[in-house]
Amino acid sequence: MPYINIRISKEHGGASAEQKRALISGVTDLVVDILGKKREATIVIIDEIHTDNCGLGGETITRLRHTPPDQKD
């Protein structure tokens, strides 16, 4: 049973329900086509992560995206 976990940043309201359905359908198609797995046994989970809850280089993604380029190290 394939279990696929997709993590995306939740910005500007996050992904729409339509985008999530398309992502789940498309990833499932890939697993079926490439790995030969059963569609009905494929689980796709989408985690939307707020940019305050993840970081890069010791800074939150929120801060990094709101820091002017000339002020970044």
C-alpha atoms as a PDB file:
ATOM      1  CA  MET A   1       0.000   0.000   0.000  1.00  0.00           C
ATOM      2  CA  PRO A   2       1.765   3.167  -1.151  1.00  0.00           C
ATOM      3  CA  TYR A   3       1.615   6.065   1.289  1.00  0.00           C
ATOM      4  CA  ILE A   4       2.658   9.407  -0.176  1.00  0.00           C
ATOM      5  CA  ASN A   5       3.014  12.449   2.068  1.00  0.00           C
ATOM      6  CA  ILE A   6       3.233  15.812   0.320  1.00  0.00           C
ATOM      7  CA  ARG A   7       4.235  18.840   2.363  1.00  0.00           C
ATOM      8  CA  ILE A   8       3.625  22.298   0.992  1.00  0.00           C
ATOM      9  CA  SER A   9       3.848  25.710   2.575  1.00  0.00           C
ATOM     10  CA  LYS A  10       0.532  27.291   3.423  1.00  0.00           C
ATOM     11  CA  GLU A  11       0.658  30.773   1.975  1.00  0.00           C
ATOM     12  CA  HIS A  12      -2.003  33.135   0.749  1.00  0.00           C
ATOM     13  CA  GLY A  13      -4.766  30.815   1.941  1.00  0.00           C
ATOM     14  CA  GLY A  14      -2.983  27.633   0.877  1.00  0.00           C
ATOM     15  CA  ALA A  15      -3.887  25.313  -1.956  1.00  0.00           C
ATOM     16  CA  SER A  16      -7.514  25.301  -3.039  1.00  0.00           C
ATOM     17  CA  ALA A  17      -9.669  22.184  -2.756  1.00  0.00           C
ATOM     18  CA  GLU A  18      -9.512  21.876  -6.551  1.00  0.00           C
ATOM     19  CA  GLN A  19      -5.692  22.049  -6.532  1.00  0.00           C
ATOM     20  CA  LYS A  20      -5.532  19.414  -3.785  1.00  0.00           C
ATOM     21  CA  ARG A  21      -7.854  17.090  -5.725  1.00  0.00           C
ATOM     22  CA  ALA A  22      -5.679  17.519  -8.831  1.00  0.00           C
ATOM     23  CA  LEU A  23      -2.504  16.888  -6.839  1.00  0.00           C
ATOM     24  CA  ILE A  24      -3.934  13.750  -5.216  1.00  0.00           C
ATOM     25  CA  SER A  25      -5.203  12.460  -8.564  1.00  0.00           C
ATOM     26  CA  GLY A  26      -1.962  13.250 -10.404  1.00  0.00           C
ATOM     27  CA  VAL A  27       0.307  11.684  -7.791  1.00  0.00           C
ATOM     28  CA  THR A  28      -1.916   8.615  -7.653  1.00  0.00           C
ATOM     29  CA  ASP A  29      -1.703   8.326 -11.457  1.00  0.00           C
ATOM     30  CA  LEU A  30       2.108   8.451 -11.250  1.00  0.00           C
ATOM     31  CA  VAL A  31       2.258   5.714  -8.613  1.00  0.00           C
ATOM     32  CA  VAL A  32      -0.105   3.517 -10.628  1.00  0.00           C
ATOM     33  CA  ASP A  33       1.657   4.136 -13.966  1.00  0.00           C
ATOM     34  CA  ILE A  34       5.273   4.051 -12.806  1.00  0.00           C
ATOM     35  CA  LEU A  35       5.215   1.615  -9.888  1.00  0.00           C
ATOM     36  CA  GLY A  36       2.285  -0.524 -10.993  1.00  0.00           C
ATOM     37  CA  LYS A  37       0.495  -0.091  -7.664  1.00  0.00           C
ATOM     38  CA  LYS A  38      -3.253  -0.373  -7.201  1.00  0.00           C
ATOM     39  CA  ARG A  39      -5.135   2.925  -7.338  1.00  0.00           C
ATOM     40  CA  GLU A  40      -7.544   1.866  -4.599  1.00  0.00           C
ATOM     41  CA  ALA A  41      -4.657   1.070  -2.243  1.00  0.00           C
ATOM     42  CA  THR A  42      -2.736   4.331  -2.752  1.00  0.00           C
ATOM     43  CA  ILE A  43      -2.936   6.888   0.049  1.00  0.00           C
ATOM     44  CA  VAL A  44      -1.948  10.516  -0.535  1.00  0.00           C
ATOM     45  CA  ILE A  45      -1.751  12.924   2.401  1.00  0.00           C
ATOM     46  CA  ILE A  46      -1.220  16.662   1.921  1.00  0.00           C
ATOM     47  CA  ASP A  47       0.218  18.571   4.871  1.00  0.00           C
ATOM     48  CA  GLU A  48       0.055  22.329   4.604  1.00  0.00           C
ATOM     49  CA  ILE A  49       2.701  23.882   6.810  1.00  0.00           C
ATOM     50  CA  HIS A  50       2.534  27.497   7.880  1.00  0.00           C
ATOM     51  CA  THR A  51       5.766  29.302   7.042  1.00  0.00           C
ATOM     52  CA  ASP A  52       6.163  30.247  10.732  1.00  0.00           C
ATOM     53  CA  ASN A  53       6.515  26.522  11.472  1.00  0.00           C
ATOM     54  CA  CYS A  54       9.503  25.765   9.263  1.00  0.00           C
ATOM     55  CA  GLY A  55      12.875  27.292   8.760  1.00  0.00           C
ATOM     56  CA  LEU A  56      15.988  27.415   6.650  1.00  0.00           C
ATOM     57  CA  GLY A  57      19.408  28.466   7.846  1.00  0.00           C
ATOM     58  CA  GLY A  58      18.138  29.274  11.328  1.00  0.00           C
ATOM     59  CA  GLU A  59      15.342  31.623  10.200  1.00  0.00           C
ATOM     60  CA  THR A  60      11.655  31.002   9.657  1.00  0.00           C
ATOM     61  CA  ILE A  61      10.502  30.890   6.066  1.00  0.00           C
ATOM     62  CA  THR A  62       8.105  33.739   6.873  1.00  0.00           C
ATOM     63  CA  ARG A  63      10.989  35.980   7.908  1.00  0.00           C
ATOM     64  CA  LEU A  64      13.144  34.955   4.960  1.00  0.00           C
ATOM     65  CA  ARG A  65      10.388  35.776   2.481  1.00  0.00           C
ATOM     66  CA  HIS A  66       9.746  39.159   4.029  1.00  0.00           C
ATOM     67  CA  THR A  67      13.391  40.230   4.329  1.00  0.00           C
ATOM     68  CA  PRO A  68      14.528  42.480   1.477  1.00  0.00           C
ATOM     69  CA  PRO A  69      17.211  40.796  -0.675  1.00  0.00           C
ATOM     70  CA  ASP A  70      19.808  43.442   0.214  1.00  0.00           C
ATOM     71  CA  GLN A  71      19.392  42.621   3.933  1.00  0.00           C
ATOM     72  CA  LYS A  72      19.889  38.856   3.587  1.00  0.00           C
ATOM     73  CA  ASP A  73      23.251  37.311   4.421  1.00  0.00           C
END
